[in-house]
């Protein structure tokens, strides 16, 4: 059932209510985490379409390569994406980057 199917059955949640086990994503590690890599790239593509934080074009069907790493670094260095100060520019999608990415994406999704 979709969340919007019956508004009386929708619910609010906070980050503390949700537990996710997400992998560390980094350049050239696509084999085991291709689904996570594609979803992360889709979120970055959607956020970029709304905010224009980078000029680099990502493609979902391509591996986590140099372009993806650069877009992740760009996301990490910009305060305001649900983190007050820049994240460490690692180019990897670690716990802090996943949290900022998910908060930003969910915030934009629920607003629009």
PDB file of N, CA and C in Angstrom:
ATOM      1  N   UNK A   1       0.846  -1.172   0.000  1.00  0.00           N
ATOM      2  CA  UNK A   1       0.000   0.000   0.000  1.00  0.00           C
ATOM      3  C   UNK A   1       0.887   1.228   0.000  1.00  0.00           C
ATOM      4  N   UNK A   2       0.594   2.180  -0.858  1.00  0.00           N
ATOM      5  CA  UNK A   2       1.331   3.433  -0.896  1.00  0.00           C
ATOM      6  C   UNK A   2       0.952   4.274   0.314  1.00  0.00           C
ATOM      7  N   UNK A   3       1.886   5.082   0.770  1.00  0.00           N
ATOM      8  CA  UNK A   3       1.614   5.927   1.931  1.00  0.00           C
ATOM      9  C   UNK A   3       0.453   6.873   1.697  1.00  0.00           C
ATOM     10  N   UNK A   4       0.265   7.337   0.485  1.00  0.00           N
ATOM     11  CA  UNK A   4      -0.789   8.298   0.211  1.00  0.00           C
ATOM     12  C   UNK A   4      -2.142   7.639  -0.059  1.00  0.00           C
ATOM     13  N   UNK A   5      -2.214   6.319  -0.036  1.00  0.00           N
ATOM     14  CA  UNK A   5      -3.454   5.620  -0.354  1.00  0.00           C
ATOM     15  C   UNK A   5      -4.577   6.004   0.606  1.00  0.00           C
ATOM     16  N   UNK A   6      -4.275   6.143   1.864  1.00  0.00           N
ATOM     17  CA  UNK A   6      -5.261   6.528   2.856  1.00  0.00           C
ATOM     18  C   UNK A   6      -4.581   7.465   3.853  1.00  0.00           C
ATOM     19  N   UNK A   7      -4.832   8.781   3.732  1.00  0.00           N
ATOM     20  CA  UNK A   7      -4.128   9.730   4.599  1.00  0.00           C
ATOM     21  C   UNK A   7      -4.253   9.432   6.089  1.00  0.00           C
ATOM     22  N   UNK A   8      -5.330   8.816   6.522  1.00  0.00           N
ATOM     23  CA  UNK A   8      -5.473   8.517   7.947  1.00  0.00           C
ATOM     24  C   UNK A   8      -4.498   7.435   8.399  1.00  0.00           C
ATOM     25  N   UNK A   9      -3.914   6.693   7.446  1.00  0.00           N
ATOM     26  CA  UNK A   9      -2.954   5.650   7.796  1.00  0.00           C
ATOM     27  C   UNK A   9      -1.506   6.119   7.680  1.00  0.00           C
ATOM     28  N   UNK A  10      -1.292   7.356   7.214  1.00  0.00           N
ATOM     29  CA  UNK A  10       0.061   7.896   7.156  1.00  0.00           C
ATOM     30  C   UNK A  10       0.532   8.231   8.559  1.00  0.00           C
ATOM     31  N   UNK A  11       1.822   8.339   8.727  1.00  0.00           N
ATOM     32  CA  UNK A  11       2.348   8.642  10.045  1.00  0.00           C
ATOM     33  C   UNK A  11       3.585   9.498   9.908  1.00  0.00           C
ATOM     34  N   UNK A  12       3.864  10.259  10.964  1.00  0.00           N
ATOM     35  CA  UNK A  12       5.087  11.047  11.025  1.00  0.00           C
ATOM     36  C   UNK A  12       6.138  10.239  11.749  1.00  0.00           C
ATOM     37  N   UNK A  13       7.380  10.459  11.385  1.00  0.00           N
ATOM     38  CA  UNK A  13       8.474   9.765  12.044  1.00  0.00           C
ATOM     39  C   UNK A  13       9.660  10.704  12.128  1.00  0.00           C
ATOM     40  N   UNK A  14      10.563  10.404  13.007  1.00  0.00           N
ATOM     41  CA  UNK A  14      11.805  11.157  13.110  1.00  0.00           C
ATOM     42  C   UNK A  14      12.946  10.204  12.817  1.00  0.00           C
ATOM     43  N   UNK A  15      14.116  10.767  12.590  1.00  0.00           N
ATOM     44  CA  UNK A  15      15.277   9.932  12.275  1.00  0.00           C
ATOM     45  C   UNK A  15      15.545   8.919  13.377  1.00  0.00           C
ATOM     46  N   UNK A  16      15.232   9.263  14.621  1.00  0.00           N
ATOM     47  CA  UNK A  16      15.505   8.331  15.713  1.00  0.00           C
ATOM     48  C   UNK A  16      14.576   7.120  15.689  1.00  0.00           C
ATOM     49  N   UNK A  17      13.468   7.211  14.948  1.00  0.00           N
ATOM     50  CA  UNK A  17      12.539   6.093  14.856  1.00  0.00           C
ATOM     51  C   UNK A  17      12.952   5.069  13.801  1.00  0.00           C
ATOM     52  N   UNK A  18      13.837   5.444  12.927  1.00  0.00           N
ATOM     53  CA  UNK A  18      14.175   4.607  11.786  1.00  0.00           C
ATOM     54  C   UNK A  18      15.603   4.103  11.909  1.00  0.00           C
ATOM     55  N   UNK A  19      15.785   2.827  11.715  1.00  0.00           N
ATOM     56  CA  UNK A  19      17.123   2.231  11.726  1.00  0.00           C
ATOM     57  C   UNK A  19      17.367   1.599  10.370  1.00  0.00           C
ATOM     58  N   UNK A  20      18.431   2.015   9.742  1.00  0.00           N
ATOM     59  CA  UNK A  20      18.809   1.468   8.449  1.00  0.00           C
ATOM     60  C   UNK A  20      20.246   0.989   8.511  1.00  0.00           C
ATOM     61  N   UNK A  21      20.512  -0.084   7.856  1.00  0.00           N
ATOM     62  CA  UNK A  21      21.885  -0.564   7.724  1.00  0.00           C
ATOM     63  C   UNK A  21      22.312  -0.290   6.285  1.00  0.00           C
ATOM     64  N   UNK A  22      23.139   0.720   6.137  1.00  0.00           N
ATOM     65  CA  UNK A  22      23.560   1.147   4.807  1.00  0.00           C
ATOM     66  C   UNK A  22      25.058   0.941   4.653  1.00  0.00           C
ATOM     67  N   UNK A  23      25.479   0.518   3.480  1.00  0.00           N
ATOM     68  CA  UNK A  23      26.906   0.235   3.287  1.00  0.00           C
ATOM     69  C   UNK A  23      27.715   1.503   3.019  1.00  0.00           C
ATOM     70  N   UNK A  24      28.992   1.430   3.321  1.00  0.00           N
ATOM     71  CA  UNK A  24      29.925   2.455   2.903  1.00  0.00           C
ATOM     72  C   UNK A  24      30.073   2.319   1.389  1.00  0.00           C
ATOM     73  N   UNK A  25      29.838   3.401   0.673  1.00  0.00           N
ATOM     74  CA  UNK A  25      29.969   3.368  -0.782  1.00  0.00           C
ATOM     75  C   UNK A  25      31.175   4.193  -1.178  1.00  0.00           C
ATOM     76  N   UNK A  26      31.992   3.637  -2.040  1.00  0.00           N
ATOM     77  CA  UNK A  26      33.163   4.362  -2.526  1.00  0.00           C
ATOM     78  C   UNK A  26      33.495   3.919  -3.936  1.00  0.00           C
ATOM     79  N   UNK A  27      34.380   4.674  -4.518  1.00  0.00           N
ATOM     80  CA  UNK A  27      34.779   4.461  -5.909  1.00  0.00           C
ATOM     81  C   UNK A  27      35.199   3.010  -6.158  1.00  0.00           C
ATOM     82  N   UNK A  28      34.706   2.440  -7.240  1.00  0.00           N
ATOM     83  CA  UNK A  28      35.039   1.093  -7.723  1.00  0.00           C
ATOM     84  C   UNK A  28      34.541  -0.049  -6.843  1.00  0.00           C
ATOM     85  N   UNK A  29      33.609   0.197  -5.926  1.00  0.00           N
ATOM     86  CA  UNK A  29      33.050  -0.859  -5.078  1.00  0.00           C
ATOM     87  C   UNK A  29      31.627  -1.231  -5.490  1.00  0.00           C
ATOM     88  N   UNK A  30      31.326  -1.243  -6.761  1.00  0.00           N
ATOM     89  CA  UNK A  30      29.951  -1.416  -7.210  1.00  0.00           C
ATOM     90  C   UNK A  30      29.409  -2.834  -7.132  1.00  0.00           C
ATOM     91  N   UNK A  31      30.231  -3.828  -7.210  1.00  0.00           N
ATOM     92  CA  UNK A  31      29.730  -5.187  -7.372  1.00  0.00           C
ATOM     93  C   UNK A  31      28.718  -5.605  -6.320  1.00  0.00           C
ATOM     94  N   UNK A  32      29.037  -5.435  -5.030  1.00  0.00           N
ATOM     95  CA  UNK A  32      28.094  -5.901  -4.013  1.00  0.00           C
ATOM     96  C   UNK A  32      27.018  -4.894  -3.674  1.00  0.00           C
ATOM     97  N   UNK A  33      27.232  -3.638  -3.969  1.00  0.00           N
ATOM     98  CA  UNK A  33      26.304  -2.594  -3.530  1.00  0.00           C
ATOM     99  C   UNK A  33      25.683  -1.809  -4.676  1.00  0.00           C
ATOM    100  N   UNK A  34      25.506  -2.446  -5.823  1.00  0.00           N
ATOM    101  CA  UNK A  34      25.021  -1.731  -6.994  1.00  0.00           C
ATOM    102  C   UNK A  34      23.657  -1.092  -6.761  1.00  0.00           C
ATOM    103  N   UNK A  35      22.778  -1.761  -6.061  1.00  0.00           N
ATOM    104  CA  UNK A  35      21.457  -1.194  -5.773  1.00  0.00           C
ATOM    105  C   UNK A  35      21.556   0.052  -4.915  1.00  0.00           C
ATOM    106  N   UNK A  36      22.395   0.015  -3.891  1.00  0.00           N
ATOM    107  CA  UNK A  36      22.600   1.186  -3.037  1.00  0.00           C
ATOM    108  C   UNK A  36      23.261   2.318  -3.822  1.00  0.00           C
ATOM    109  N   UNK A  37      24.219   1.970  -4.669  1.00  0.00           N
ATOM    110  CA  UNK A  37      24.902   2.985  -5.474  1.00  0.00           C
ATOM    111  C   UNK A  37      23.916   3.673  -6.412  1.00  0.00           C
ATOM    112  N   UNK A  38      23.069   2.908  -7.056  1.00  0.00           N
ATOM    113  CA  UNK A  38      22.076   3.494  -7.960  1.00  0.00           C
ATOM    114  C   UNK A  38      21.112   4.404  -7.212  1.00  0.00           C
ATOM    115  N   UNK A  39      20.668   3.975  -6.052  1.00  0.00           N
ATOM    116  CA  UNK A  39      19.716   4.804  -5.284  1.00  0.00           C
ATOM    117  C   UNK A  39      20.382   6.086  -4.806  1.00  0.00           C
ATOM    118  N   UNK A  40      21.621   5.987  -4.324  1.00  0.00           N
ATOM    119  CA  UNK A  40      22.360   7.168  -3.876  1.00  0.00           C
ATOM    120  C   UNK A  40      22.525   8.142  -5.037  1.00  0.00           C
ATOM    121  N   UNK A  41      22.885   7.627  -6.214  1.00  0.00           N
ATOM    122  CA  UNK A  41      23.060   8.491  -7.370  1.00  0.00           C
ATOM    123  C   UNK A  41      21.734   9.130  -7.780  1.00  0.00           C
ATOM    124  N   UNK A  42      20.641   8.377  -7.700  1.00  0.00           N
ATOM    125  CA  UNK A  42      19.328   8.941  -8.019  1.00  0.00           C
ATOM    126  C   UNK A  42      18.992  10.089  -7.071  1.00  0.00           C
ATOM    127  N   UNK A  43      19.276   9.932  -5.790  1.00  0.00           N
ATOM    128  CA  UNK A  43      19.018  11.008  -4.836  1.00  0.00           C
ATOM    129  C   UNK A  43      19.859  12.239  -5.175  1.00  0.00           C
ATOM    130  N   UNK A  44      21.139  12.036  -5.499  1.00  0.00           N
ATOM    131  CA  UNK A  44      22.006  13.163  -5.851  1.00  0.00           C
ATOM    132  C   UNK A  44      21.527  13.847  -7.133  1.00  0.00           C
ATOM    133  N   UNK A  45      21.079  13.074  -8.112  1.00  0.00           N
ATOM    134  CA  UNK A  45      20.570  13.641  -9.360  1.00  0.00           C
ATOM    135  C   UNK A  45      19.331  14.499  -9.081  1.00  0.00           C
ATOM    136  N   UNK A  46      18.419  13.977  -8.268  1.00  0.00           N
ATOM    137  CA  UNK A  46      17.200  14.728  -7.942  1.00  0.00           C
ATOM    138  C   UNK A  46      17.518  15.990  -7.155  1.00  0.00           C
ATOM    139  N   UNK A  47      18.425  15.896  -6.183  1.00  0.00           N
ATOM    140  CA  UNK A  47      18.806  17.084  -5.411  1.00  0.00           C
ATOM    141  C   UNK A  47      19.485  18.117  -6.291  1.00  0.00           C
ATOM    142  N   UNK A  48      20.329  17.665  -7.201  1.00  0.00           N
ATOM    143  CA  UNK A  48      21.003  18.591  -8.102  1.00  0.00           C
ATOM    144  C   UNK A  48      20.008  19.280  -9.033  1.00  0.00           C
ATOM    145  N   UNK A  49      18.999  18.557  -9.474  1.00  0.00           N
ATOM    146  CA  UNK A  49      17.978  19.154 -10.336  1.00  0.00           C
ATOM    147  C   UNK A  49      17.247  20.278  -9.605  1.00  0.00           C
ATOM    148  N   UNK A  50      17.079  20.135  -8.290  1.00  0.00           N
ATOM    149  CA  UNK A  50      16.372  21.145  -7.506  1.00  0.00           C
ATOM    150  C   UNK A  50      17.277  22.289  -7.054  1.00  0.00           C
ATOM    151  N   UNK A  51      18.547  21.992  -6.802  1.00  0.00           N
ATOM    152  CA  UNK A  51      19.415  22.995  -6.199  1.00  0.00           C
ATOM    153  C   UNK A  51      20.544  23.475  -7.103  1.00  0.00           C
ATOM    154  N   UNK A  52      20.936  22.681  -8.081  1.00  0.00           N
ATOM    155  CA  UNK A  52      22.039  23.052  -8.953  1.00  0.00           C
ATOM    156  C   UNK A  52      23.375  23.132  -8.244  1.00  0.00           C
ATOM    157  N   UNK A  53      23.621  22.228  -7.285  1.00  0.00           N
ATOM    158  CA  UNK A  53      24.861  22.303  -6.517  1.00  0.00           C
ATOM    159  C   UNK A  53      26.094  21.848  -7.288  1.00  0.00           C
ATOM    160  N   UNK A  54      25.921  21.235  -8.455  1.00  0.00           N
ATOM    161  CA  UNK A  54      27.058  20.818  -9.267  1.00  0.00           C
ATOM    162  C   UNK A  54      26.678  20.821 -10.742  1.00  0.00           C
ATOM    163  N   UNK A  55      27.661  20.978 -11.590  1.00  0.00           N
ATOM    164  CA  UNK A  55      27.432  20.927 -13.039  1.00  0.00           C
ATOM    165  C   UNK A  55      27.711  19.528 -13.597  1.00  0.00           C
ATOM    166  N   UNK A  56      28.208  18.633 -12.772  1.00  0.00           N
ATOM    167  CA  UNK A  56      28.576  17.287 -13.218  1.00  0.00           C
ATOM    168  C   UNK A  56      27.314  16.453 -13.432  1.00  0.00           C
ATOM    169  N   UNK A  57      27.227  15.796 -14.555  1.00  0.00           N
ATOM    170  CA  UNK A  57      26.083  14.943 -14.871  1.00  0.00           C
ATOM    171  C   UNK A  57      26.381  13.495 -14.458  1.00  0.00           C
ATOM    172  N   UNK A  58      25.516  12.930 -13.634  1.00  0.00           N
ATOM    173  CA  UNK A  58      25.651  11.528 -13.239  1.00  0.00           C
ATOM    174  C   UNK A  58      24.712  10.661 -14.069  1.00  0.00           C
ATOM    175  N   UNK A  59      25.093   9.414 -14.246  1.00  0.00           N
ATOM    176  CA  UNK A  59      24.254   8.432 -14.926  1.00  0.00           C
ATOM    177  C   UNK A  59      24.070   7.243 -13.984  1.00  0.00           C
ATOM    178  N   UNK A  60      22.825   6.889 -13.749  1.00  0.00           N
ATOM    179  CA  UNK A  60      22.517   5.825 -12.794  1.00  0.00           C
ATOM    180  C   UNK A  60      23.122   4.492 -13.194  1.00  0.00           C
ATOM    181  N   UNK A  61      23.172   4.212 -14.482  1.00  0.00           N
ATOM    182  CA  UNK A  61      23.616   2.894 -14.930  1.00  0.00           C
ATOM    183  C   UNK A  61      25.134   2.760 -15.029  1.00  0.00           C
ATOM    184  N   UNK A  62      25.854   3.773 -14.643  1.00  0.00           N
ATOM    185  CA  UNK A  62      27.311   3.686 -14.671  1.00  0.00           C
ATOM    186  C   UNK A  62      27.826   3.439 -13.254  1.00  0.00           C
ATOM    187  N   UNK A  63      29.030   2.879 -13.121  1.00  0.00           N
ATOM    188  CA  UNK A  63      29.567   2.573 -11.796  1.00  0.00           C
ATOM    189  C   UNK A  63      29.938   3.816 -10.996  1.00  0.00           C
ATOM    190  N   UNK A  64      30.235   3.608  -9.729  1.00  0.00           N
ATOM    191  CA  UNK A  64      30.701   4.669  -8.831  1.00  0.00           C
ATOM    192  C   UNK A  64      32.144   4.957  -9.216  1.00  0.00           C
ATOM    193  N   UNK A  65      32.310   5.917 -10.081  1.00  0.00           N
ATOM    194  CA  UNK A  65      33.632   6.268 -10.581  1.00  0.00           C
ATOM    195  C   UNK A  65      34.035   7.666 -10.158  1.00  0.00           C
ATOM    196  N   UNK A  66      34.926   8.266 -10.931  1.00  0.00           N
ATOM    197  CA  UNK A  66      35.484   9.575 -10.601  1.00  0.00           C
ATOM    198  C   UNK A  66      34.412  10.666 -10.554  1.00  0.00           C
ATOM    199  N   UNK A  67      33.449  10.652 -11.477  1.00  0.00           N
ATOM    200  CA  UNK A  67      32.403  11.676 -11.474  1.00  0.00           C
ATOM    201  C   UNK A  67      31.524  11.569 -10.234  1.00  0.00           C
ATOM    202  N   UNK A  68      31.133  10.350  -9.889  1.00  0.00           N
ATOM    203  CA  UNK A  68      30.311  10.165  -8.690  1.00  0.00           C
ATOM    204  C   UNK A  68      31.081  10.621  -7.462  1.00  0.00           C
ATOM    205  N   UNK A  69      32.334  10.244  -7.368  1.00  0.00           N
ATOM    206  CA  UNK A  69      33.162  10.656  -6.237  1.00  0.00           C
ATOM    207  C   UNK A  69      33.220  12.183  -6.135  1.00  0.00           C
ATOM    208  N   UNK A  70      33.363  12.871  -7.250  1.00  0.00           N
ATOM    209  CA  UNK A  70      33.424  14.331  -7.243  1.00  0.00           C
ATOM    210  C   UNK A  70      32.095  14.951  -6.812  1.00  0.00           C
ATOM    211  N   UNK A  71      30.974  14.387  -7.269  1.00  0.00           N
ATOM    212  CA  UNK A  71      29.663  14.896  -6.854  1.00  0.00           C
ATOM    213  C   UNK A  71      29.461  14.676  -5.358  1.00  0.00           C
ATOM    214  N   UNK A  72      29.867  13.523  -4.845  1.00  0.00           N
ATOM    215  CA  UNK A  72      29.761  13.262  -3.401  1.00  0.00           C
ATOM    216  C   UNK A  72      30.605  14.278  -2.642  1.00  0.00           C
ATOM    217  N   UNK A  73      31.827  14.541  -3.094  1.00  0.00           N
ATOM    218  CA  UNK A  73      32.679  15.558  -2.444  1.00  0.00           C
ATOM    219  C   UNK A  73      31.999  16.931  -2.450  1.00  0.00           C
ATOM    220  N   UNK A  74      31.402  17.275  -3.569  1.00  0.00           N
ATOM    221  CA  UNK A  74      30.714  18.572  -3.670  1.00  0.00           C
ATOM    222  C   UNK A  74      29.557  18.633  -2.683  1.00  0.00           C
ATOM    223  N   UNK A  75      28.773  17.565  -2.600  1.00  0.00           N
ATOM    224  CA  UNK A  75      27.674  17.509  -1.629  1.00  0.00           C
ATOM    225  C   UNK A  75      28.219  17.651  -0.211  1.00  0.00           C
ATOM    226  N   UNK A  76      29.327  16.983   0.087  1.00  0.00           N
ATOM    227  CA  UNK A  76      29.889  17.002   1.431  1.00  0.00           C
ATOM    228  C   UNK A  76      30.405  18.385   1.832  1.00  0.00           C
ATOM    229  N   UNK A  77      30.840  19.189   0.886  1.00  0.00           N
ATOM    230  CA  UNK A  77      31.469  20.465   1.238  1.00  0.00           C
ATOM    231  C   UNK A  77      30.483  21.611   1.385  1.00  0.00           C
ATOM    232  N   UNK A  78      29.241  21.421   1.020  1.00  0.00           N
ATOM    233  CA  UNK A  78      28.278  22.524   1.054  1.00  0.00           C
ATOM    234  C   UNK A  78      27.440  22.460   2.326  1.00  0.00           C
ATOM    235  N   UNK A  79      27.622  23.415   3.240  1.00  0.00           N
ATOM    236  CA  UNK A  79      26.752  23.452   4.413  1.00  0.00           C
ATOM    237  C   UNK A  79      25.319  23.775   3.987  1.00  0.00           C
ATOM    238  N   UNK A  80      24.382  23.359   4.773  1.00  0.00           N
ATOM    239  CA  UNK A  80      22.994  23.652   4.471  1.00  0.00           C
ATOM    240  C   UNK A  80      22.218  22.446   3.987  1.00  0.00           C
ATOM    241  N   UNK A  81      22.898  21.426   3.509  1.00  0.00           N
ATOM    242  CA  UNK A  81      22.214  20.196   3.130  1.00  0.00           C
ATOM    243  C   UNK A  81      22.021  19.345   4.383  1.00  0.00           C
ATOM    244  N   UNK A  82      21.256  19.873   5.300  1.00  0.00           N
ATOM    245  CA  UNK A  82      20.950  19.209   6.564  1.00  0.00           C
ATOM    246  C   UNK A  82      22.198  18.838   7.365  1.00  0.00           C
ATOM    247  N   UNK A  83      23.234  19.617   7.180  1.00  0.00           N
ATOM    248  CA  UNK A  83      24.382  19.584   8.076  1.00  0.00           C
ATOM    249  C   UNK A  83      24.884  21.019   8.161  1.00  0.00           C
ATOM    250  N   UNK A  84      25.150  21.488   9.379  1.00  0.00           N
ATOM    251  CA  UNK A  84      25.470  22.886   9.602  1.00  0.00           C
ATOM    252  C   UNK A  84      26.842  23.266   9.052  1.00  0.00           C
ATOM    253  N   UNK A  85      27.765  22.360   9.138  1.00  0.00           N
ATOM    254  CA  UNK A  85      29.102  22.635   8.631  1.00  0.00           C
ATOM    255  C   UNK A  85      29.440  21.580   7.592  1.00  0.00           C
ATOM    256  N   UNK A  86      30.413  21.864   6.754  1.00  0.00           N
ATOM    257  CA  UNK A  86      30.770  20.867   5.745  1.00  0.00           C
ATOM    258  C   UNK A  86      31.159  19.532   6.381  1.00  0.00           C
ATOM    259  N   UNK A  87      30.845  18.476   5.682  1.00  0.00           N
ATOM    260  CA  UNK A  87      31.271  17.139   6.097  1.00  0.00           C
ATOM    261  C   UNK A  87      32.710  16.937   5.638  1.00  0.00           C
ATOM    262  N   UNK A  88      33.426  15.998   6.216  1.00  0.00           N
ATOM    263  CA  UNK A  88      34.757  15.700   5.686  1.00  0.00           C
ATOM    264  C   UNK A  88      34.649  15.305   4.211  1.00  0.00           C
ATOM    265  N   UNK A  89      35.467  15.905   3.374  1.00  0.00           N
ATOM    266  CA  UNK A  89      35.429  15.638   1.938  1.00  0.00           C
ATOM    267  C   UNK A  89      36.187  14.360   1.619  1.00  0.00           C
ATOM    268  N   UNK A  90      35.504  13.250   1.789  1.00  0.00           N
ATOM    269  CA  UNK A  90      36.136  11.952   1.547  1.00  0.00           C
ATOM    270  C   UNK A  90      35.812  11.395   0.168  1.00  0.00           C
ATOM    271  N   UNK A  91      34.694  11.839  -0.411  1.00  0.00           N
ATOM    272  CA  UNK A  91      34.252  11.257  -1.675  1.00  0.00           C
ATOM    273  C   UNK A  91      33.586   9.910  -1.496  1.00  0.00           C
ATOM    274  N   UNK A  92      33.511   9.447  -0.257  1.00  0.00           N
ATOM    275  CA  UNK A  92      32.820   8.190   0.046  1.00  0.00           C
ATOM    276  C   UNK A  92      31.493   8.512   0.727  1.00  0.00           C
ATOM    277  N   UNK A  93      30.538   7.634   0.562  1.00  0.00           N
ATOM    278  CA  UNK A  93      29.251   7.810   1.216  1.00  0.00           C
ATOM    279  C   UNK A  93      29.308   6.996   2.498  1.00  0.00           C
ATOM    280  N   UNK A  94      29.703   7.691   3.561  1.00  0.00           N
ATOM    281  CA  UNK A  94      29.825   7.079   4.883  1.00  0.00           C
ATOM    282  C   UNK A  94      28.562   7.385   5.692  1.00  0.00           C
ATOM    283  N   UNK A  95      28.574   7.071   6.966  1.00  0.00           N
ATOM    284  CA  UNK A  95      27.391   7.253   7.805  1.00  0.00           C
ATOM    285  C   UNK A  95      26.907   8.703   7.803  1.00  0.00           C
ATOM    286  N   UNK A  96      27.807   9.650   8.020  1.00  0.00           N
ATOM    287  CA  UNK A  96      27.412  11.062   8.074  1.00  0.00           C
ATOM    288  C   UNK A  96      26.866  11.535   6.727  1.00  0.00           C
ATOM    289  N   UNK A  97      27.461  11.068   5.646  1.00  0.00           N
ATOM    290  CA  UNK A  97      27.004  11.471   4.319  1.00  0.00           C
ATOM    291  C   UNK A  97      25.648  10.857   4.013  1.00  0.00           C
ATOM    292  N   UNK A  98      25.451   9.582   4.347  1.00  0.00           N
ATOM    293  CA  UNK A  98      24.133   8.951   4.172  1.00  0.00           C
ATOM    294  C   UNK A  98      23.082   9.741   4.949  1.00  0.00           C
ATOM    295  N   UNK A  99      23.386  10.086   6.209  1.00  0.00           N
ATOM    296  CA  UNK A  99      22.414  10.808   7.036  1.00  0.00           C
ATOM    297  C   UNK A  99      22.044  12.144   6.407  1.00  0.00           C
ATOM    298  N   UNK A 100      23.050  12.915   5.980  1.00  0.00           N
ATOM    299  CA  UNK A 100      22.782  14.212   5.365  1.00  0.00           C
ATOM    300  C   UNK A 100      22.016  14.048   4.057  1.00  0.00           C
ATOM    301  N   UNK A 101      22.409  13.068   3.257  1.00  0.00           N
ATOM    302  CA  UNK A 101      21.751  12.838   1.975  1.00  0.00           C
ATOM    303  C   UNK A 101      20.289  12.429   2.171  1.00  0.00           C
ATOM    304  N   UNK A 102      20.053  11.503   3.074  1.00  0.00           N
ATOM    305  CA  UNK A 102      18.682  11.053   3.323  1.00  0.00           C
ATOM    306  C   UNK A 102      17.820  12.157   3.918  1.00  0.00           C
ATOM    307  N   UNK A 103      18.361  12.905   4.875  1.00  0.00           N
ATOM    308  CA  UNK A 103      17.588  14.013   5.464  1.00  0.00           C
ATOM    309  C   UNK A 103      17.229  15.045   4.402  1.00  0.00           C
ATOM    310  N   UNK A 104      18.188  15.387   3.570  1.00  0.00           N
ATOM    311  CA  UNK A 104      17.952  16.384   2.528  1.00  0.00           C
ATOM    312  C   UNK A 104      16.942  15.866   1.518  1.00  0.00           C
ATOM    313  N   UNK A 105      17.147  14.650   1.053  1.00  0.00           N
ATOM    314  CA  UNK A 105      16.246  14.076   0.059  1.00  0.00           C
ATOM    315  C   UNK A 105      14.834  13.926   0.615  1.00  0.00           C
ATOM    316  N   UNK A 106      14.699  13.415   1.827  1.00  0.00           N
ATOM    317  CA  UNK A 106      13.384  13.242   2.429  1.00  0.00           C
ATOM    318  C   UNK A 106      12.699  14.584   2.676  1.00  0.00           C
ATOM    319  N   UNK A 107      13.459  15.575   3.079  1.00  0.00           N
ATOM    320  CA  UNK A 107      12.919  16.908   3.292  1.00  0.00           C
ATOM    321  C   UNK A 107      12.388  17.486   1.985  1.00  0.00           C
ATOM    322  N   UNK A 108      13.152  17.364   0.924  1.00  0.00           N
ATOM    323  CA  UNK A 108      12.721  17.855  -0.381  1.00  0.00           C
ATOM    324  C   UNK A 108      11.538  17.065  -0.903  1.00  0.00           C
ATOM    325  N   UNK A 109      11.527  15.747  -0.676  1.00  0.00           N
ATOM    326  CA  UNK A 109      10.448  14.882  -1.134  1.00  0.00           C
ATOM    327  C   UNK A 109       9.151  15.238  -0.417  1.00  0.00           C
ATOM    328  N   UNK A 110       9.207  15.436   0.891  1.00  0.00           N
ATOM    329  CA  UNK A 110       7.993  15.716   1.647  1.00  0.00           C
ATOM    330  C   UNK A 110       7.476  17.125   1.390  1.00  0.00           C
ATOM    331  N   UNK A 111       8.391  18.040   1.013  1.00  0.00           N
ATOM    332  CA  UNK A 111       7.970  19.409   0.725  1.00  0.00           C
ATOM    333  C   UNK A 111       7.308  19.526  -0.648  1.00  0.00           C
ATOM    334  N   UNK A 112       7.717  18.641  -1.557  1.00  0.00           N
ATOM    335  CA  UNK A 112       7.219  18.780  -2.930  1.00  0.00           C
ATOM    336  C   UNK A 112       6.216  17.760  -3.239  1.00  0.00           C
TER     337      UNK A 112
END
